[in-house]
Amino acid sequence: MNKNKIYQLYSQLYEKHGDPAVFWPQWCAKNKTEATRELVAIGAILTQRTSWHNADLALENLKKENLLSLEKIAKVNYISRAGLSDPRPATKGGTPLESCFYSPKAKKTSANPNFFGKPSRPKGRGFTERLKKLNAFTELIRPAGFYQSKPKRLFSLASFIVNNYGNLTGFMKEKLNVAREKLLGLYGIGPETADTILLYALDRPTFVIDAYTQKLVKKEKIAKNLEYNYLKQLFEENLPKDTILFQSFHTLIIVDQKGREGSMMRIV
């Protein structure tokens, strides 16, 4: 492979389509507010294995109910039907939200024996009210699909950030490799979602590899190995380590393959 081929492809796509901020205005914004960062992070979870149209419908529902923030999502008293323990706020005798959803090794511990195990289900009116909140929240994000797992993923991310850093701006102070490792330790967050959050919500220079990038690599005969970490390293080693460039290139890859009209991602 010509060492400059990857950068040449970026230049060609930029010349062909122009500034990618036209298509992804919030995601590629150079100066993001905390609210915009949270929108992008929440959107990165909701868009997993679904279209942006469906994710946007879920975002609109959250906005209407004034739940479009990590702090508010973390406060929803969520009890999973799939076996997570009761994530009550950290109070005397209670269970911290983080301990129920976050573990670097994702396994049971003495402090959290119910992690992905038998749920703690307090009886009585309080449990009934919390179950109603779970059902209501699930309905709000149902358009994004995977309505049983995506609530857990949102609560996992939200409670981790709020409990440990206060907000995403606080999380940005972590070293890139540390922040990425911690995101990968959260329920339902794999390499692509972790890198999407880091690149677009936190403005950190880490390249996102998705199906569109793999198709480009195959089409342009850049590499035969399409494994995630290999391609991520290949792109990062052959491009200037620049957040705006990484955001622009990844966005332009999608715009080029989906078409200009089908690539619009304007968050509610």
C-alpha atoms as a PDB file:
ATOM      1  CA  MET A   1       0.000   0.000   0.000  1.00  0.00           C
ATOM      2  CA  ASN A   2       1.205   3.473  -0.861  1.00  0.00           C
ATOM      3  CA  LYS A   3       1.917   5.105   2.493  1.00  0.00           C
ATOM      4  CA  ASN A   4       0.068   8.263   1.445  1.00  0.00           C
ATOM      5  CA  LYS A   5      -2.937   6.533  -0.093  1.00  0.00           C
ATOM      6  CA  ILE A   6      -5.132   6.872   2.985  1.00  0.00           C
ATOM      7  CA  TYR A   7      -4.512  10.604   3.268  1.00  0.00           C
ATOM      8  CA  GLN A   8      -5.046  10.974  -0.486  1.00  0.00           C
ATOM      9  CA  LEU A   9      -8.430   9.306  -0.123  1.00  0.00           C
ATOM     10  CA  TYR A  10      -9.354  11.782   2.609  1.00  0.00           C
ATOM     11  CA  SER A  11      -8.385  14.703   0.357  1.00  0.00           C
ATOM     12  CA  GLN A  12     -10.408  13.288  -2.538  1.00  0.00           C
ATOM     13  CA  LEU A  13     -13.516  12.793  -0.399  1.00  0.00           C
ATOM     14  CA  TYR A  14     -13.217  16.277   1.067  1.00  0.00           C
ATOM     15  CA  GLU A  15     -12.886  17.789  -2.386  1.00  0.00           C
ATOM     16  CA  LYS A  16     -15.880  15.771  -3.600  1.00  0.00           C
ATOM     17  CA  HIS A  17     -18.290  16.439  -0.704  1.00  0.00           C
ATOM     18  CA  GLY A  18     -16.955  19.502   1.092  1.00  0.00           C
ATOM     19  CA  ASP A  19     -17.109  20.260   4.811  1.00  0.00           C
ATOM     20  CA  PRO A  20     -18.652  17.239   6.618  1.00  0.00           C
ATOM     21  CA  ALA A  21     -20.082  19.562   9.284  1.00  0.00           C
ATOM     22  CA  VAL A  22     -22.811  20.289   6.740  1.00  0.00           C
ATOM     23  CA  PHE A  23     -24.001  16.695   7.130  1.00  0.00           C
ATOM     24  CA  TRP A  24     -23.164  16.101  10.816  1.00  0.00           C
ATOM     25  CA  PRO A  25     -23.341  19.623  12.318  1.00  0.00           C
ATOM     26  CA  GLN A  26     -23.373  18.694  16.009  1.00  0.00           C
ATOM     27  CA  TRP A  27     -21.043  15.714  15.704  1.00  0.00           C
ATOM     28  CA  CYS A  28     -18.401  17.688  13.789  1.00  0.00           C
ATOM     29  CA  ALA A  29     -18.863  20.997  15.632  1.00  0.00           C
ATOM     30  CA  LYS A  30     -15.516  22.532  16.556  1.00  0.00           C
ATOM     31  CA  ASN A  31     -16.834  24.065  19.778  1.00  0.00           C
ATOM     32  CA  LYS A  32     -19.251  21.762  21.574  1.00  0.00           C
ATOM     33  CA  THR A  33     -21.289  22.590  24.652  1.00  0.00           C
ATOM     34  CA  GLU A  34     -21.758  20.005  27.405  1.00  0.00           C
ATOM     35  CA  ALA A  35     -25.318  19.471  26.173  1.00  0.00           C
ATOM     36  CA  THR A  36     -24.078  18.737  22.643  1.00  0.00           C
ATOM     37  CA  ARG A  37     -21.479  16.286  23.940  1.00  0.00           C
ATOM     38  CA  GLU A  38     -24.186  14.432  25.845  1.00  0.00           C
ATOM     39  CA  LEU A  39     -26.482  14.362  22.820  1.00  0.00           C
ATOM     40  CA  VAL A  40     -23.720  12.797  20.756  1.00  0.00           C
ATOM     41  CA  ALA A  41     -22.862  10.216  23.436  1.00  0.00           C
ATOM     42  CA  ILE A  42     -26.507   9.218  23.900  1.00  0.00           C
ATOM     43  CA  GLY A  43     -26.939   9.121  20.121  1.00  0.00           C
ATOM     44  CA  ALA A  44     -23.916   6.829  19.796  1.00  0.00           C
ATOM     45  CA  ILE A  45     -25.672   4.269  21.999  1.00  0.00           C
ATOM     46  CA  LEU A  46     -29.075   4.606  20.361  1.00  0.00           C
ATOM     47  CA  THR A  47     -27.739   4.286  16.823  1.00  0.00           C
ATOM     48  CA  GLN A  48     -26.111   0.902  17.500  1.00  0.00           C
ATOM     49  CA  ARG A  49     -27.304  -1.586  14.865  1.00  0.00           C
ATOM     50  CA  THR A  50     -30.120   0.652  13.652  1.00  0.00           C
ATOM     51  CA  SER A  51     -30.643   3.568  11.280  1.00  0.00           C
ATOM     52  CA  TRP A  52     -30.063   7.153  12.324  1.00  0.00           C
ATOM     53  CA  HIS A  53     -33.739   7.853  11.599  1.00  0.00           C
ATOM     54  CA  ASN A  54     -34.783   5.362  14.286  1.00  0.00           C
ATOM     55  CA  ALA A  55     -32.221   6.665  16.759  1.00  0.00           C
ATOM     56  CA  ASP A  56     -33.405  10.207  16.140  1.00  0.00           C
ATOM     57  CA  LEU A  57     -37.007   9.235  16.944  1.00  0.00           C
ATOM     58  CA  ALA A  58     -35.819   7.908  20.302  1.00  0.00           C
ATOM     59  CA  LEU A  59     -33.845  11.099  20.936  1.00  0.00           C
ATOM     60  CA  GLU A  60     -36.926  13.161  20.193  1.00  0.00           C
ATOM     61  CA  ASN A  61     -38.906  11.112  22.710  1.00  0.00           C
ATOM     62  CA  LEU A  62     -36.259  11.670  25.382  1.00  0.00           C
ATOM     63  CA  LYS A  63     -36.235  15.384  24.638  1.00  0.00           C
ATOM     64  CA  LYS A  64     -40.022  15.662  24.994  1.00  0.00           C
ATOM     65  CA  GLU A  65     -39.795  14.043  28.447  1.00  0.00           C
ATOM     66  CA  ASN A  66     -36.849  16.237  29.471  1.00  0.00           C
ATOM     67  CA  LEU A  67     -34.566  13.213  29.776  1.00  0.00           C
ATOM     68  CA  LEU A  68     -31.965  14.147  27.205  1.00  0.00           C
ATOM     69  CA  SER A  69     -29.013  14.377  29.608  1.00  0.00           C
ATOM     70  CA  LEU A  70     -26.747  11.853  31.286  1.00  0.00           C
ATOM     71  CA  GLU A  71     -27.545  13.177  34.755  1.00  0.00           C
ATOM     72  CA  LYS A  72     -31.293  12.793  34.261  1.00  0.00           C
ATOM     73  CA  ILE A  73     -30.938   9.369  32.699  1.00  0.00           C
ATOM     74  CA  ALA A  74     -28.778   8.242  35.625  1.00  0.00           C
ATOM     75  CA  LYS A  75     -31.466   9.341  38.069  1.00  0.00           C
ATOM     76  CA  VAL A  76     -34.142   7.161  36.557  1.00  0.00           C
ATOM     77  CA  ASN A  77     -34.622   4.360  39.061  1.00  0.00           C
ATOM     78  CA  TYR A  78     -34.071   1.453  36.721  1.00  0.00           C
ATOM     79  CA  ILE A  79     -34.732  -2.190  37.509  1.00  0.00           C
ATOM     80  CA  SER A  80     -33.942  -4.605  34.711  1.00  0.00           C
ATOM     81  CA  ARG A  81     -36.134  -7.521  33.781  1.00  0.00           C
ATOM     82  CA  ALA A  82     -33.031  -9.160  32.370  1.00  0.00           C
ATOM     83  CA  GLY A  83     -31.302  -9.701  35.685  1.00  0.00           C
ATOM     84  CA  LEU A  84     -29.431  -6.566  36.789  1.00  0.00           C
ATOM     85  CA  SER A  85     -29.590  -5.601  40.435  1.00  0.00           C
ATOM     86  CA  ASP A  86     -31.579  -2.623  41.673  1.00  0.00           C
ATOM     87  CA  PRO A  87     -29.445   0.455  40.917  1.00  0.00           C
ATOM     88  CA  ARG A  88     -30.653   2.719  43.719  1.00  0.00           C
ATOM     89  CA  PRO A  89     -28.703   5.952  44.319  1.00  0.00           C
ATOM     90  CA  ALA A  90     -25.812   5.748  46.749  1.00  0.00           C
ATOM     91  CA  THR A  91     -27.422   6.238  50.154  1.00  0.00           C
ATOM     92  CA  LYS A  92     -26.966   4.616  53.545  1.00  0.00           C
ATOM     93  CA  GLY A  93     -27.704   0.961  52.966  1.00  0.00           C
ATOM     94  CA  GLY A  94     -28.266   1.538  49.240  1.00  0.00           C
ATOM     95  CA  THR A  95     -26.371   0.376  46.167  1.00  0.00           C
ATOM     96  CA  PRO A  96     -24.350   2.913  44.130  1.00  0.00           C
ATOM     97  CA  LEU A  97     -25.468   3.113  40.526  1.00  0.00           C
ATOM     98  CA  GLU A  98     -21.945   2.491  39.254  1.00  0.00           C
ATOM     99  CA  SER A  99     -21.525  -0.793  41.091  1.00  0.00           C
ATOM    100  CA  CYS A 100     -24.539  -2.250  39.310  1.00  0.00           C
ATOM    101  CA  PHE A 101     -23.486  -1.315  35.805  1.00  0.00           C
ATOM    102  CA  TYR A 102     -19.732  -0.834  35.653  1.00  0.00           C
ATOM    103  CA  SER A 103     -16.944  -3.293  36.204  1.00  0.00           C
ATOM    104  CA  PRO A 104     -13.654  -3.263  34.252  1.00  0.00           C
ATOM    105  CA  LYS A 105     -13.781  -7.071  34.199  1.00  0.00           C
ATOM    106  CA  ALA A 106     -17.588  -7.295  34.107  1.00  0.00           C
ATOM    107  CA  LYS A 107     -17.944  -9.962  36.732  1.00  0.00           C
ATOM    108  CA  LYS A 108     -19.540 -10.538  40.104  1.00  0.00           C
ATOM    109  CA  THR A 109     -17.805  -9.035  43.123  1.00  0.00           C
ATOM    110  CA  SER A 110     -18.416  -9.168  46.845  1.00  0.00           C
ATOM    111  CA  ALA A 111     -19.566  -5.549  46.706  1.00  0.00           C
ATOM    112  CA  ASN A 112     -21.938  -6.318  43.877  1.00  0.00           C
ATOM    113  CA  PRO A 113     -22.941  -9.985  44.042  1.00  0.00           C
ATOM    114  CA  ASN A 114     -25.924  -9.447  41.745  1.00  0.00           C
ATOM    115  CA  PHE A 115     -23.942  -8.152  38.761  1.00  0.00           C
ATOM    116  CA  PHE A 116     -25.682  -9.861  35.831  1.00  0.00           C
ATOM    117  CA  GLY A 117     -27.028 -12.325  38.349  1.00  0.00           C
ATOM    118  CA  LYS A 118     -30.233 -12.701  40.295  1.00  0.00           C
ATOM    119  CA  PRO A 119     -31.795  -9.232  40.690  1.00  0.00           C
ATOM    120  CA  SER A 120     -32.493  -7.528  43.975  1.00  0.00           C
ATOM    121  CA  ARG A 121     -36.207  -6.769  43.879  1.00  0.00           C
ATOM    122  CA  PRO A 122     -37.517  -4.768  46.798  1.00  0.00           C
ATOM    123  CA  LYS A 123     -41.211  -5.409  47.270  1.00  0.00           C
ATOM    124  CA  GLY A 124     -43.992  -2.948  47.796  1.00  0.00           C
ATOM    125  CA  ARG A 125     -45.100   0.335  46.315  1.00  0.00           C
ATOM    126  CA  GLY A 126     -41.560   1.601  45.709  1.00  0.00           C
ATOM    127  CA  PHE A 127     -40.737  -1.354  43.475  1.00  0.00           C
ATOM    128  CA  THR A 128     -43.987  -0.902  41.544  1.00  0.00           C
ATOM    129  CA  GLU A 129     -43.240   2.771  40.908  1.00  0.00           C
ATOM    130  CA  ARG A 130     -39.721   2.022  39.739  1.00  0.00           C
ATOM    131  CA  LEU A 131     -41.008  -0.691  37.432  1.00  0.00           C
ATOM    132  CA  LYS A 132     -43.408   1.829  35.909  1.00  0.00           C
ATOM    133  CA  LYS A 133     -40.474   4.164  35.273  1.00  0.00           C
ATOM    134  CA  LEU A 134     -38.588   1.323  33.603  1.00  0.00           C
ATOM    135  CA  ASN A 135     -41.526   0.580  31.306  1.00  0.00           C
ATOM    136  CA  ALA A 136     -41.941   4.269  30.476  1.00  0.00           C
ATOM    137  CA  PHE A 137     -38.252   4.729  29.682  1.00  0.00           C
ATOM    138  CA  THR A 138     -38.193   1.574  27.564  1.00  0.00           C
ATOM    139  CA  GLU A 139     -41.096   2.879  25.496  1.00  0.00           C
ATOM    140  CA  LEU A 140     -39.311   6.186  24.914  1.00  0.00           C
ATOM    141  CA  ILE A 141     -36.319   4.544  23.252  1.00  0.00           C
ATOM    142  CA  ARG A 142     -38.182   1.643  21.633  1.00  0.00           C
ATOM    143  CA  PRO A 143     -37.893   3.198  18.116  1.00  0.00           C
ATOM    144  CA  ALA A 144     -34.123   2.616  18.287  1.00  0.00           C
ATOM    145  CA  GLY A 145     -34.650  -1.143  18.649  1.00  0.00           C
ATOM    146  CA  PHE A 146     -33.067  -3.561  21.124  1.00  0.00           C
ATOM    147  CA  TYR A 147     -35.409  -2.106  23.722  1.00  0.00           C
ATOM    148  CA  GLN A 148     -34.319  -4.596  26.391  1.00  0.00           C
ATOM    149  CA  SER A 149     -30.584  -3.979  26.108  1.00  0.00           C
ATOM    150  CA  LYS A 150     -30.316  -0.321  25.089  1.00  0.00           C
ATOM    151  CA  PRO A 151     -31.819   1.003  28.350  1.00  0.00           C
ATOM    152  CA  LYS A 152     -29.103  -0.897  30.225  1.00  0.00           C
ATOM    153  CA  ARG A 153     -26.436   0.547  27.938  1.00  0.00           C
ATOM    154  CA  LEU A 154     -27.674   4.089  28.454  1.00  0.00           C
ATOM    155  CA  PHE A 155     -27.855   3.655  32.224  1.00  0.00           C
ATOM    156  CA  SER A 156     -24.437   2.032  32.265  1.00  0.00           C
ATOM    157  CA  LEU A 157     -22.825   4.992  30.489  1.00  0.00           C
ATOM    158  CA  ALA A 158     -24.822   7.682  32.285  1.00  0.00           C
ATOM    159  CA  SER A 159     -24.318   6.370  35.807  1.00  0.00           C
ATOM    160  CA  PHE A 160     -20.616   5.717  35.204  1.00  0.00           C
ATOM    161  CA  ILE A 161     -19.978   9.261  33.962  1.00  0.00           C
ATOM    162  CA  VAL A 162     -22.147  11.030  36.552  1.00  0.00           C
ATOM    163  CA  ASN A 163     -20.889   9.024  39.536  1.00  0.00           C
ATOM    164  CA  ASN A 164     -17.205   9.225  38.636  1.00  0.00           C
ATOM    165  CA  TYR A 165     -16.707  12.470  36.717  1.00  0.00           C
ATOM    166  CA  GLY A 166     -19.846  14.573  37.076  1.00  0.00           C
ATOM    167  CA  ASN A 167     -20.121  15.083  33.324  1.00  0.00           C
ATOM    168  CA  LEU A 168     -18.367  14.386  30.034  1.00  0.00           C
ATOM    169  CA  THR A 169     -16.175  17.453  30.384  1.00  0.00           C
ATOM    170  CA  GLY A 170     -14.762  15.913  33.545  1.00  0.00           C
ATOM    171  CA  PHE A 171     -14.243  12.604  31.760  1.00  0.00           C
ATOM    172  CA  MET A 172     -12.236  14.408  29.056  1.00  0.00           C
ATOM    173  CA  LYS A 173      -9.439  14.905  31.593  1.00  0.00           C
ATOM    174  CA  GLU A 174      -8.645  11.194  31.522  1.00  0.00           C
ATOM    175  CA  LYS A 175      -5.808  10.020  29.301  1.00  0.00           C
ATOM    176  CA  LEU A 176      -7.116   8.699  25.993  1.00  0.00           C
ATOM    177  CA  ASN A 177      -6.053   5.087  26.539  1.00  0.00           C
ATOM    178  CA  VAL A 178      -7.485   5.082  30.081  1.00  0.00           C
ATOM    179  CA  ALA A 179     -10.783   6.622  28.958  1.00  0.00           C
ATOM    180  CA  ARG A 180     -11.094   4.081  26.138  1.00  0.00           C
ATOM    181  CA  GLU A 181     -10.390   1.141  28.461  1.00  0.00           C
ATOM    182  CA  LYS A 182     -13.032   2.338  30.917  1.00  0.00           C
ATOM    183  CA  LEU A 183     -15.643   2.751  28.183  1.00  0.00           C
ATOM    184  CA  LEU A 184     -14.902  -0.758  26.934  1.00  0.00           C
ATOM    185  CA  GLY A 185     -15.567  -2.010  30.461  1.00  0.00           C
ATOM    186  CA  LEU A 186     -19.142  -0.750  30.344  1.00  0.00           C
ATOM    187  CA  TYR A 187     -22.102  -2.946  29.483  1.00  0.00           C
ATOM    188  CA  GLY A 188     -22.866  -2.990  25.756  1.00  0.00           C
ATOM    189  CA  ILE A 189     -20.009  -0.749  24.616  1.00  0.00           C
ATOM    190  CA  GLY A 190     -17.615  -2.253  22.100  1.00  0.00           C
ATOM    191  CA  PRO A 191     -14.679  -0.709  20.215  1.00  0.00           C
ATOM    192  CA  GLU A 192     -16.765   1.089  17.582  1.00  0.00           C
ATOM    193  CA  THR A 193     -19.110   2.733  20.098  1.00  0.00           C
ATOM    194  CA  ALA A 194     -16.251   3.592  22.469  1.00  0.00           C
ATOM    195  CA  ASP A 195     -14.266   5.245  19.694  1.00  0.00           C
ATOM    196  CA  THR A 196     -17.378   7.065  18.431  1.00  0.00           C
ATOM    197  CA  ILE A 197     -17.982   8.569  21.875  1.00  0.00           C
ATOM    198  CA  LEU A 198     -14.310   9.474  22.276  1.00  0.00           C
ATOM    199  CA  LEU A 199     -13.964  11.007  18.830  1.00  0.00           C
ATOM    200  CA  TYR A 200     -17.241  12.895  18.471  1.00  0.00           C
ATOM    201  CA  ALA A 201     -18.449  13.529  22.033  1.00  0.00           C
ATOM    202  CA  LEU A 202     -15.074  14.065  23.707  1.00  0.00           C
ATOM    203  CA  ASP A 203     -13.059  15.336  20.714  1.00  0.00           C
ATOM    204  CA  ARG A 204     -10.246  12.846  21.250  1.00  0.00           C
ATOM    205  CA  PRO A 205      -8.115  11.687  18.279  1.00  0.00           C
ATOM    206  CA  THR A 206      -9.094   8.038  17.910  1.00  0.00           C
ATOM    207  CA  PHE A 207     -10.246   6.692  14.555  1.00  0.00           C
ATOM    208  CA  VAL A 208     -13.581   4.885  14.235  1.00  0.00           C
ATOM    209  CA  ILE A 209     -13.729   1.726  12.159  1.00  0.00           C
ATOM    210  CA  ASP A 210     -17.205   0.699  11.000  1.00  0.00           C
ATOM    211  CA  ALA A 211     -18.726  -1.278   8.140  1.00  0.00           C
ATOM    212  CA  TYR A 212     -18.448   1.731   5.818  1.00  0.00           C
ATOM    213  CA  THR A 213     -14.724   2.075   6.530  1.00  0.00           C
ATOM    214  CA  GLN A 214     -14.194  -1.635   5.944  1.00  0.00           C
ATOM    215  CA  LYS A 215     -15.993  -1.390   2.595  1.00  0.00           C
ATOM    216  CA  LEU A 216     -13.763   1.519   1.585  1.00  0.00           C
ATOM    217  CA  VAL A 217     -10.652  -0.412   2.582  1.00  0.00           C
ATOM    218  CA  LYS A 218     -11.762  -3.399   0.530  1.00  0.00           C
ATOM    219  CA  LYS A 219     -12.807  -1.324  -2.467  1.00  0.00           C
ATOM    220  CA  GLU A 220      -9.561   0.673  -2.564  1.00  0.00           C
ATOM    221  CA  LYS A 221      -7.441  -2.405  -1.771  1.00  0.00           C
ATOM    222  CA  ILE A 222      -5.860  -0.662   1.192  1.00  0.00           C
ATOM    223  CA  ALA A 223      -5.566  -3.853   3.226  1.00  0.00           C
ATOM    224  CA  LYS A 224      -6.730  -7.448   3.222  1.00  0.00           C
ATOM    225  CA  ASN A 225      -7.025  -7.611   7.008  1.00  0.00           C
ATOM    226  CA  LEU A 226     -10.350  -5.980   7.993  1.00  0.00           C
ATOM    227  CA  GLU A 227     -10.027  -6.619  11.748  1.00  0.00           C
ATOM    228  CA  TYR A 228     -10.975  -3.604  13.856  1.00  0.00           C
ATOM    229  CA  ASN A 229      -7.755  -2.944  15.757  1.00  0.00           C
ATOM    230  CA  TYR A 230      -5.578  -3.532  12.706  1.00  0.00           C
ATOM    231  CA  LEU A 231      -7.472  -0.990  10.590  1.00  0.00           C
ATOM    232  CA  LYS A 232      -7.688   1.501  13.441  1.00  0.00           C
ATOM    233  CA  GLN A 233      -3.905   1.420  13.830  1.00  0.00           C
ATOM    234  CA  LEU A 234      -3.393   1.561  10.055  1.00  0.00           C
ATOM    235  CA  PHE A 235      -5.493   4.716   9.662  1.00  0.00           C
ATOM    236  CA  GLU A 236      -4.035   6.434  12.706  1.00  0.00           C
ATOM    237  CA  GLU A 237      -0.452   5.741  11.599  1.00  0.00           C
ATOM    238  CA  ASN A 238      -1.080   7.110   8.101  1.00  0.00           C
ATOM    239  CA  LEU A 239      -2.915  10.297   9.082  1.00  0.00           C
ATOM    240  CA  PRO A 240      -1.925  13.351  11.085  1.00  0.00           C
ATOM    241  CA  LYS A 241      -3.137  12.825  14.654  1.00  0.00           C
ATOM    242  CA  ASP A 242      -5.834  15.462  14.481  1.00  0.00           C
ATOM    243  CA  THR A 243      -9.335  15.204  15.935  1.00  0.00           C
ATOM    244  CA  ILE A 244     -11.031  17.366  13.297  1.00  0.00           C
ATOM    245  CA  LEU A 245      -9.398  15.393  10.494  1.00  0.00           C
ATOM    246  CA  PHE A 246     -10.446  12.069  12.061  1.00  0.00           C
ATOM    247  CA  GLN A 247     -14.024  13.312  12.495  1.00  0.00           C
ATOM    248  CA  SER A 248     -14.124  14.684   8.958  1.00  0.00           C
ATOM    249  CA  PHE A 249     -12.661  11.597   7.309  1.00  0.00           C
ATOM    250  CA  HIS A 250     -14.956   9.138   9.078  1.00  0.00           C
ATOM    251  CA  THR A 251     -18.006  11.274   8.309  1.00  0.00           C
ATOM    252  CA  LEU A 252     -17.026  11.673   4.656  1.00  0.00           C
ATOM    253  CA  ILE A 253     -16.600   7.911   4.272  1.00  0.00           C
ATOM    254  CA  ILE A 254     -20.217   7.467   5.354  1.00  0.00           C
ATOM    255  CA  VAL A 255     -21.473  10.373   3.227  1.00  0.00           C
ATOM    256  CA  ASP A 256     -19.737   8.953   0.160  1.00  0.00           C
ATOM    257  CA  GLN A 257     -21.309   5.520   0.581  1.00  0.00           C
ATOM    258  CA  LYS A 258     -24.781   6.467   1.800  1.00  0.00           C
ATOM    259  CA  GLY A 259     -25.238   9.503  -0.427  1.00  0.00           C
ATOM    260  CA  ARG A 260     -25.499  13.126   0.627  1.00  0.00           C
ATOM    261  CA  GLU A 261     -29.211  13.087   1.425  1.00  0.00           C
ATOM    262  CA  GLY A 262     -29.086   9.815   3.318  1.00  0.00           C
ATOM    263  CA  SER A 263     -26.203  10.956   5.492  1.00  0.00           C
ATOM    264  CA  MET A 264     -27.783  13.905   7.283  1.00  0.00           C
ATOM    265  CA  MET A 265     -27.455  13.543  11.058  1.00  0.00           C
ATOM    266  CA  ARG A 266     -28.969  16.550  12.773  1.00  0.00           C
ATOM    267  CA  ILE A 267     -29.619  15.801  16.408  1.00  0.00           C
ATOM    268  CA  VAL A 268     -32.963  17.020  17.801  1.00  0.00           C
END
